[in-house]
Amino acid sequence: MACQLIYTKSALKDVRKLDIVAKRKIKKKIETYAQNPLGYAKKLTNSLLGDYRWRIGNYRMVFILDGQKIIILRVSHRREIYRR
C-alpha cells in the first residue's frame, strides 16, 4: 500500500525551480518509492535535515516518515541539498 505524500512549502518551492525533465523523472520515481518507502531510503546521519533521503539521479529528496505519511522536506540537486 502506498503512503500519503505531503510536501512542505519549501519542498514545493524546490520542485517549482526544477526543469520539466527533472520534474517528470522525480514524479515517476516517487510513485515507485512510495510503495515501499524504506526499501529505497537511506537513513541520514544529520537528523537536522530530516530522517531519510531518496536518491533520484542527481537529485535528493529528504523526508520524514510519520506512520502512513511521507512528509517531503526538501528536493534539490545533490551538491546543494546538504548545505542548508
PDB file of N, CA and C in Angstrom:
ATOM      1  N   MET A   1       0.824  -1.184   0.000  1.00  0.00           N
ATOM      2  CA  MET A   1       0.000   0.000   0.000  1.00  0.00           C
ATOM      3  C   MET A   1       0.873   1.253   0.000  1.00  0.00           C
ATOM      4  N   ALA A   2       0.529   2.208  -0.844  1.00  0.00           N
ATOM      5  CA  ALA A   2       1.301   3.438  -0.966  1.00  0.00           C
ATOM      6  C   ALA A   2       1.006   4.371   0.198  1.00  0.00           C
ATOM      7  N   CYS A   3       2.003   5.095   0.592  1.00  0.00           N
ATOM      8  CA  CYS A   3       1.850   6.076   1.661  1.00  0.00           C
ATOM      9  C   CYS A   3       1.348   7.391   1.079  1.00  0.00           C
ATOM     10  N   GLN A   4       0.776   8.213   1.946  1.00  0.00           N
ATOM     11  CA  GLN A   4       0.320   9.531   1.540  1.00  0.00           C
ATOM     12  C   GLN A   4       1.515  10.474   1.510  1.00  0.00           C
ATOM     13  N   LEU A   5       1.668  11.233   0.415  1.00  0.00           N
ATOM     14  CA  LEU A   5       2.764  12.181   0.280  1.00  0.00           C
ATOM     15  C   LEU A   5       2.305  13.568   0.695  1.00  0.00           C
ATOM     16  N   ILE A   6       3.074  14.206   1.543  1.00  0.00           N
ATOM     17  CA  ILE A   6       2.794  15.569   1.979  1.00  0.00           C
ATOM     18  C   ILE A   6       4.050  16.395   1.724  1.00  0.00           C
ATOM     19  N   TYR A   7       3.879  17.495   1.003  1.00  0.00           N
ATOM     20  CA  TYR A   7       5.001  18.380   0.686  1.00  0.00           C
ATOM     21  C   TYR A   7       4.972  19.607   1.591  1.00  0.00           C
ATOM     22  N   THR A   8       6.128  19.981   2.125  1.00  0.00           N
ATOM     23  CA  THR A   8       6.227  21.223   2.880  1.00  0.00           C
ATOM     24  C   THR A   8       6.301  22.377   1.880  1.00  0.00           C
ATOM     25  N   LYS A   9       6.142  23.599   2.360  1.00  0.00           N
ATOM     26  CA  LYS A   9       6.223  24.776   1.485  1.00  0.00           C
ATOM     27  C   LYS A   9       7.585  24.864   0.819  1.00  0.00           C
ATOM     28  N   SER A  10       8.639  24.567   1.564  1.00  0.00           N
ATOM     29  CA  SER A  10       9.987  24.647   0.999  1.00  0.00           C
ATOM     30  C   SER A  10      10.204  23.568  -0.060  1.00  0.00           C
ATOM     31  N   ALA A  11       9.610  22.393   0.114  1.00  0.00           N
ATOM     32  CA  ALA A  11       9.738  21.328  -0.889  1.00  0.00           C
ATOM     33  C   ALA A  11       9.007  21.732  -2.170  1.00  0.00           C
ATOM     34  N   LEU A  12       7.824  22.319  -2.045  1.00  0.00           N
ATOM     35  CA  LEU A  12       7.093  22.788  -3.228  1.00  0.00           C
ATOM     36  C   LEU A  12       7.871  23.870  -3.958  1.00  0.00           C
ATOM     37  N   LYS A  13       8.498  24.750  -3.206  1.00  0.00           N
ATOM     38  CA  LYS A  13       9.320  25.810  -3.795  1.00  0.00           C
ATOM     39  C   LYS A  13      10.505  25.203  -4.555  1.00  0.00           C
ATOM     40  N   ASP A  14      11.131  24.176  -3.955  1.00  0.00           N
ATOM     41  CA  ASP A  14      12.249  23.485  -4.608  1.00  0.00           C
ATOM     42  C   ASP A  14      11.809  22.837  -5.918  1.00  0.00           C
ATOM     43  N   VAL A  15      10.654  22.186  -5.908  1.00  0.00           N
ATOM     44  CA  VAL A  15      10.155  21.483  -7.091  1.00  0.00           C
ATOM     45  C   VAL A  15       9.838  22.477  -8.208  1.00  0.00           C
ATOM     46  N   ARG A  16       9.265  23.621  -7.864  1.00  0.00           N
ATOM     47  CA  ARG A  16       8.936  24.631  -8.877  1.00  0.00           C
ATOM     48  C   ARG A  16      10.172  25.137  -9.609  1.00  0.00           C
ATOM     49  N   LYS A  17      11.328  25.130  -8.943  1.00  0.00           N
ATOM     50  CA  LYS A  17      12.576  25.610  -9.549  1.00  0.00           C
ATOM     51  C   LYS A  17      13.157  24.636 -10.573  1.00  0.00           C
ATOM     52  N   LEU A  18      12.767  23.372 -10.503  1.00  0.00           N
ATOM     53  CA  LEU A  18      13.356  22.347 -11.374  1.00  0.00           C
ATOM     54  C   LEU A  18      12.833  22.451 -12.804  1.00  0.00           C
ATOM     55  N   ASP A  19      13.642  21.968 -13.743  1.00  0.00           N
ATOM     56  CA  ASP A  19      13.192  21.930 -15.135  1.00  0.00           C
ATOM     57  C   ASP A  19      12.200  20.785 -15.334  1.00  0.00           C
ATOM     58  N   ILE A  20      11.473  20.814 -16.431  1.00  0.00           N
ATOM     59  CA  ILE A  20      10.377  19.872 -16.677  1.00  0.00           C
ATOM     60  C   ILE A  20      10.855  18.420 -16.748  1.00  0.00           C
ATOM     61  N   VAL A  21      12.032  18.179 -17.288  1.00  0.00           N
ATOM     62  CA  VAL A  21      12.572  16.818 -17.394  1.00  0.00           C
ATOM     63  C   VAL A  21      12.840  16.253 -15.998  1.00  0.00           C
ATOM     64  N   ALA A  22      13.452  17.059 -15.140  1.00  0.00           N
ATOM     65  CA  ALA A  22      13.737  16.620 -13.762  1.00  0.00           C
ATOM     66  C   ALA A  22      12.437  16.375 -13.000  1.00  0.00           C
ATOM     67  N   LYS A  23      11.444  17.231 -13.199  1.00  0.00           N
ATOM     68  CA  LYS A  23      10.152  17.062 -12.521  1.00  0.00           C
ATOM     69  C   LYS A  23       9.500  15.735 -12.898  1.00  0.00           C
ATOM     70  N   ARG A  24       9.508  15.408 -14.190  1.00  0.00           N
ATOM     71  CA  ARG A  24       8.913  14.142 -14.651  1.00  0.00           C
ATOM     72  C   ARG A  24       9.635  12.946 -14.052  1.00  0.00           C
ATOM     73  N   LYS A  25      10.952  12.996 -14.070  1.00  0.00           N
ATOM     74  CA  LYS A  25      11.764  11.897 -13.542  1.00  0.00           C
ATOM     75  C   LYS A  25      11.492  11.698 -12.047  1.00  0.00           C
ATOM     76  N   ILE A  26      11.445  12.793 -11.315  1.00  0.00           N
ATOM     77  CA  ILE A  26      11.202  12.726  -9.877  1.00  0.00           C
ATOM     78  C   ILE A  26       9.801  12.198  -9.590  1.00  0.00           C
ATOM     79  N   LYS A  27       8.810  12.672 -10.337  1.00  0.00           N
ATOM     80  CA  LYS A  27       7.431  12.220 -10.139  1.00  0.00           C
ATOM     81  C   LYS A  27       7.305  10.711 -10.341  1.00  0.00           C
ATOM     82  N   LYS A  28       7.941  10.213 -11.396  1.00  0.00           N
ATOM     83  CA  LYS A  28       7.888   8.785 -11.701  1.00  0.00           C
ATOM     84  C   LYS A  28       8.533   7.954 -10.585  1.00  0.00           C
ATOM     85  N   LYS A  29       9.674   8.411 -10.095  1.00  0.00           N
ATOM     86  CA  LYS A  29      10.382   7.688  -9.033  1.00  0.00           C
ATOM     87  C   LYS A  29       9.616   7.725  -7.718  1.00  0.00           C
ATOM     88  N   ILE A  30       9.005   8.866  -7.417  1.00  0.00           N
ATOM     89  CA  ILE A  30       8.247   8.984  -6.167  1.00  0.00           C
ATOM     90  C   ILE A  30       7.107   7.982  -6.142  1.00  0.00           C
ATOM     91  N   GLU A  31       6.436   7.802  -7.266  1.00  0.00           N
ATOM     92  CA  GLU A  31       5.339   6.839  -7.332  1.00  0.00           C
ATOM     93  C   GLU A  31       5.831   5.432  -7.020  1.00  0.00           C
ATOM     94  N   THR A  32       7.010   5.100  -7.492  1.00  0.00           N
ATOM     95  CA  THR A  32       7.605   3.791  -7.208  1.00  0.00           C
ATOM     96  C   THR A  32       8.041   3.699  -5.748  1.00  0.00           C
ATOM     97  N   TYR A  33       8.752   4.719  -5.278  1.00  0.00           N
ATOM     98  CA  TYR A  33       9.302   4.708  -3.930  1.00  0.00           C
ATOM     99  C   TYR A  33       8.219   4.729  -2.858  1.00  0.00           C
ATOM    100  N   ALA A  34       7.079   5.359  -3.120  1.00  0.00           N
ATOM    101  CA  ALA A  34       6.012   5.468  -2.127  1.00  0.00           C
ATOM    102  C   ALA A  34       5.397   4.110  -1.804  1.00  0.00           C
ATOM    103  N   GLN A  35       5.546   3.134  -2.683  1.00  0.00           N
ATOM    104  CA  GLN A  35       5.027   1.785  -2.424  1.00  0.00           C
ATOM    105  C   GLN A  35       5.768   1.116  -1.267  1.00  0.00           C
ATOM    106  N   ASN A  36       7.075   1.360  -1.195  1.00  0.00           N
ATOM    107  CA  ASN A  36       7.919   0.783  -0.146  1.00  0.00           C
ATOM    108  C   ASN A  36       8.965   1.828   0.235  1.00  0.00           C
ATOM    109  N   PRO A  37       8.582   2.842   1.000  1.00  0.00           N
ATOM    110  CA  PRO A  37       9.468   3.985   1.234  1.00  0.00           C
ATOM    111  C   PRO A  37      10.817   3.637   1.859  1.00  0.00           C
ATOM    112  N   LEU A  38      10.848   2.777   2.825  1.00  0.00           N
ATOM    113  CA  LEU A  38      12.110   2.473   3.488  1.00  0.00           C
ATOM    114  C   LEU A  38      12.971   1.499   2.691  1.00  0.00           C
ATOM    115  N   GLY A  39      12.376   0.811   1.744  1.00  0.00           N
ATOM    116  CA  GLY A  39      13.139  -0.098   0.894  1.00  0.00           C
ATOM    117  C   GLY A  39      14.110   0.637  -0.018  1.00  0.00           C
ATOM    118  N   TYR A  40      13.788   1.884  -0.336  1.00  0.00           N
ATOM    119  CA  TYR A  40      14.620   2.693  -1.230  1.00  0.00           C
ATOM    120  C   TYR A  40      15.337   3.820  -0.500  1.00  0.00           C
ATOM    121  N   ALA A  41      15.017   4.023   0.767  1.00  0.00           N
ATOM    122  CA  ALA A  41      15.543   5.166   1.513  1.00  0.00           C
ATOM    123  C   ALA A  41      16.876   4.854   2.164  1.00  0.00           C
ATOM    124  N   LYS A  42      17.605   5.923   2.416  1.00  0.00           N
ATOM    125  CA  LYS A  42      18.839   5.818   3.178  1.00  0.00           C
ATOM    126  C   LYS A  42      18.686   6.719   4.398  1.00  0.00           C
ATOM    127  N   LYS A  43      19.020   6.208   5.558  1.00  0.00           N
ATOM    128  CA  LYS A  43      18.917   6.965   6.804  1.00  0.00           C
ATOM    129  C   LYS A  43      19.984   8.054   6.801  1.00  0.00           C
ATOM    130  N   LEU A  44      19.594   9.270   7.173  1.00  0.00           N
ATOM    131  CA  LEU A  44      20.540  10.378   7.232  1.00  0.00           C
ATOM    132  C   LEU A  44      21.221  10.411   8.599  1.00  0.00           C
ATOM    133  N   THR A  45      22.497  10.743   8.607  1.00  0.00           N
ATOM    134  CA  THR A  45      23.230  10.842   9.864  1.00  0.00           C
ATOM    135  C   THR A  45      22.936  12.163  10.562  1.00  0.00           C
ATOM    136  N   ASN A  46      22.695  13.225   9.797  1.00  0.00           N
ATOM    137  CA  ASN A  46      22.366  14.532  10.357  1.00  0.00           C
ATOM    138  C   ASN A  46      20.850  14.670  10.404  1.00  0.00           C
ATOM    139  N   SER A  47      20.267  14.464  11.563  1.00  0.00           N
ATOM    140  CA  SER A  47      18.812  14.475  11.669  1.00  0.00           C
ATOM    141  C   SER A  47      18.224  15.885  11.647  1.00  0.00           C
ATOM    142  N   LEU A  48      19.050  16.922  11.595  1.00  0.00           N
ATOM    143  CA  LEU A  48      18.544  18.285  11.488  1.00  0.00           C
ATOM    144  C   LEU A  48      17.880  18.513  10.133  1.00  0.00           C
ATOM    145  N   LEU A  49      18.353  17.817   9.120  1.00  0.00           N
ATOM    146  CA  LEU A  49      17.824  17.958   7.767  1.00  0.00           C
ATOM    147  C   LEU A  49      16.546  17.156   7.583  1.00  0.00           C
ATOM    148  N   GLY A  50      16.498  15.979   8.142  1.00  0.00           N
ATOM    149  CA  GLY A  50      15.375  15.066   8.011  1.00  0.00           C
ATOM    150  C   GLY A  50      15.829  13.686   8.454  1.00  0.00           C
ATOM    151  N   ASP A  51      14.962  12.699   8.320  1.00  0.00           N
ATOM    152  CA  ASP A  51      15.319  11.352   8.764  1.00  0.00           C
ATOM    153  C   ASP A  51      15.890  10.484   7.646  1.00  0.00           C
ATOM    154  N   TYR A  52      15.308  10.598   6.447  1.00  0.00           N
ATOM    155  CA  TYR A  52      15.693   9.734   5.329  1.00  0.00           C
ATOM    156  C   TYR A  52      15.857  10.555   4.054  1.00  0.00           C
ATOM    157  N   ARG A  53      16.484   9.923   3.064  1.00  0.00           N
ATOM    158  CA  ARG A  53      16.580  10.548   1.751  1.00  0.00           C
ATOM    159  C   ARG A  53      16.417   9.493   0.672  1.00  0.00           C
ATOM    160  N   TRP A  54      15.860   9.925  -0.461  1.00  0.00           N
ATOM    161  CA  TRP A  54      15.795   9.106  -1.658  1.00  0.00           C
ATOM    162  C   TRP A  54      16.737   9.706  -2.675  1.00  0.00           C
ATOM    163  N   ARG A  55      17.401   8.857  -3.421  1.00  0.00           N
ATOM    164  CA  ARG A  55      18.273   9.300  -4.499  1.00  0.00           C
ATOM    165  C   ARG A  55      17.507   9.148  -5.808  1.00  0.00           C
ATOM    166  N   ILE A  56      17.413  10.231  -6.561  1.00  0.00           N
ATOM    167  CA  ILE A  56      16.732  10.220  -7.855  1.00  0.00           C
ATOM    168  C   ILE A  56      17.694  10.865  -8.848  1.00  0.00           C
ATOM    169  N   GLY A  57      18.548  10.050  -9.441  1.00  0.00           N
ATOM    170  CA  GLY A  57      19.575  10.583 -10.340  1.00  0.00           C
ATOM    171  C   GLY A  57      20.506  11.496  -9.558  1.00  0.00           C
ATOM    172  N   ASN A  58      20.642  12.739 -10.024  1.00  0.00           N
ATOM    173  CA  ASN A  58      21.482  13.721  -9.335  1.00  0.00           C
ATOM    174  C   ASN A  58      20.721  14.513  -8.285  1.00  0.00           C
ATOM    175  N   TYR A  59      19.488  14.159  -8.063  1.00  0.00           N
ATOM    176  CA  TYR A  59      18.662  14.872  -7.095  1.00  0.00           C
ATOM    177  C   TYR A  59      18.448  14.033  -5.844  1.00  0.00           C
ATOM    178  N   ARG A  60      18.235  14.723  -4.724  1.00  0.00           N
ATOM    179  CA  ARG A  60      17.963  14.056  -3.462  1.00  0.00           C
ATOM    180  C   ARG A  60      16.664  14.608  -2.903  1.00  0.00           C
ATOM    181  N   MET A  61      15.893  13.726  -2.291  1.00  0.00           N
ATOM    182  CA  MET A  61      14.644  14.118  -1.667  1.00  0.00           C
ATOM    183  C   MET A  61      14.733  13.721  -0.196  1.00  0.00           C
ATOM    184  N   VAL A  62      14.707  14.712   0.685  1.00  0.00           N
ATOM    185  CA  VAL A  62      14.812  14.480   2.122  1.00  0.00           C
ATOM    186  C   VAL A  62      13.401  14.454   2.696  1.00  0.00           C
ATOM    187  N   PHE A  63      13.131  13.448   3.533  1.00  0.00           N
ATOM    188  CA  PHE A  63      11.784  13.308   4.079  1.00  0.00           C
ATOM    189  C   PHE A  63      11.805  12.678   5.456  1.00  0.00           C
ATOM    190  N   ILE A  64      10.658  12.761   6.119  1.00  0.00           N
ATOM    191  CA  ILE A  64      10.446  12.045   7.377  1.00  0.00           C
ATOM    192  C   ILE A  64       9.231  11.153   7.194  1.00  0.00           C
ATOM    193  N   LEU A  65       9.206  10.076   7.915  1.00  0.00           N
ATOM    194  CA  LEU A  65       8.116   9.112   7.843  1.00  0.00           C
ATOM    195  C   LEU A  65       7.304   9.213   9.122  1.00  0.00           C
ATOM    196  N   ASP A  66       5.995   9.423   8.964  1.00  0.00           N
ATOM    197  CA  ASP A  66       5.103   9.552  10.112  1.00  0.00           C
ATOM    198  C   ASP A  66       3.927   8.618   9.900  1.00  0.00           C
ATOM    199  N   GLY A  67       4.083   7.377  10.338  1.00  0.00           N
ATOM    200  CA  GLY A  67       3.038   6.374  10.125  1.00  0.00           C
ATOM    201  C   GLY A  67       2.893   6.068   8.638  1.00  0.00           C
ATOM    202  N   GLN A  68       1.730   6.346   8.064  1.00  0.00           N
ATOM    203  CA  GLN A  68       1.493   6.132   6.627  1.00  0.00           C
ATOM    204  C   GLN A  68       1.680   7.412   5.824  1.00  0.00           C
ATOM    205  N   LYS A  69       2.302   8.427   6.425  1.00  0.00           N
ATOM    206  CA  LYS A  69       2.534   9.699   5.741  1.00  0.00           C
ATOM    207  C   LYS A  69       4.021   9.888   5.495  1.00  0.00           C
ATOM    208  N   ILE A  70       4.337  10.317   4.277  1.00  0.00           N
ATOM    209  CA  ILE A  70       5.698  10.701   3.931  1.00  0.00           C
ATOM    210  C   ILE A  70       5.683  12.209   3.816  1.00  0.00           C
ATOM    211  N   ILE A  71       6.411  12.874   4.697  1.00  0.00           N
ATOM    212  CA  ILE A  71       6.461  14.334   4.678  1.00  0.00           C
ATOM    213  C   ILE A  71       7.768  14.742   4.007  1.00  0.00           C
ATOM    214  N   ILE A  72       7.646  15.278   2.796  1.00  0.00           N
ATOM    215  CA  ILE A  72       8.814  15.651   1.999  1.00  0.00           C
ATOM    216  C   ILE A  72       9.254  17.050   2.416  1.00  0.00           C
ATOM    217  N   LEU A  73      10.503  17.134   2.862  1.00  0.00           N
ATOM    218  CA  LEU A  73      11.021  18.389   3.392  1.00  0.00           C
ATOM    219  C   LEU A  73      11.764  19.209   2.352  1.00  0.00           C
ATOM    220  N   ARG A  74      12.625  18.577   1.581  1.00  0.00           N
ATOM    221  CA  ARG A  74      13.423  19.285   0.576  1.00  0.00           C
ATOM    222  C   ARG A  74      13.628  18.411  -0.651  1.00  0.00           C
ATOM    223  N   VAL A  75      13.768  19.055  -1.807  1.00  0.00           N
ATOM    224  CA  VAL A  75      14.103  18.387  -3.058  1.00  0.00           C
ATOM    225  C   VAL A  75      15.138  19.268  -3.733  1.00  0.00           C
ATOM    226  N   SER A  76      16.333  18.758  -3.954  1.00  0.00           N
ATOM    227  CA  SER A  76      17.368  19.596  -4.539  1.00  0.00           C
ATOM    228  C   SER A  76      18.457  18.738  -5.179  1.00  0.00           C
ATOM    229  N   HIS A  77      19.337  19.407  -5.920  1.00  0.00           N
ATOM    230  CA  HIS A  77      20.475  18.738  -6.535  1.00  0.00           C
ATOM    231  C   HIS A  77      21.402  18.234  -5.438  1.00  0.00           C
ATOM    232  N   ARG A  78      22.087  17.167  -5.708  1.00  0.00           N
ATOM    233  CA  ARG A  78      22.910  16.514  -4.683  1.00  0.00           C
ATOM    234  C   ARG A  78      24.006  17.416  -4.127  1.00  0.00           C
ATOM    235  N   ARG A  79      24.529  18.335  -4.942  1.00  0.00           N
ATOM    236  CA  ARG A  79      25.613  19.185  -4.435  1.00  0.00           C
ATOM    237  C   ARG A  79      25.090  20.323  -3.566  1.00  0.00           C
ATOM    238  N   GLU A  80      23.777  20.576  -3.589  1.00  0.00           N
ATOM    239  CA  GLU A  80      23.215  21.701  -2.841  1.00  0.00           C
ATOM    240  C   GLU A  80      22.392  21.300  -1.624  1.00  0.00           C
ATOM    241  N   ILE A  81      21.835  20.122  -1.618  1.00  0.00           N
ATOM    242  CA  ILE A  81      20.819  19.772  -0.618  1.00  0.00           C
ATOM    243  C   ILE A  81      21.348  19.738   0.812  1.00  0.00           C
ATOM    244  N   TYR A  82      22.567  19.332   1.014  1.00  0.00           N
ATOM    245  CA  TYR A  82      23.085  19.184   2.376  1.00  0.00           C
ATOM    246  C   TYR A  82      23.724  20.468   2.903  1.00  0.00           C
ATOM    247  N   ARG A  83      23.768  21.515   2.101  1.00  0.00           N
ATOM    248  CA  ARG A  83      24.387  22.787   2.507  1.00  0.00           C
ATOM    249  C   ARG A  83      23.459  23.662   3.325  1.00  0.00           C
ATOM    250  N   ARG A  84      22.181  23.361   3.369  1.00  0.00           N
ATOM    251  CA  ARG A  84      21.221  24.263   4.011  1.00  0.00           C
ATOM    252  C   ARG A  84      21.084  24.036   5.480  1.00  0.00           C
TER     253      ARG A  84
END
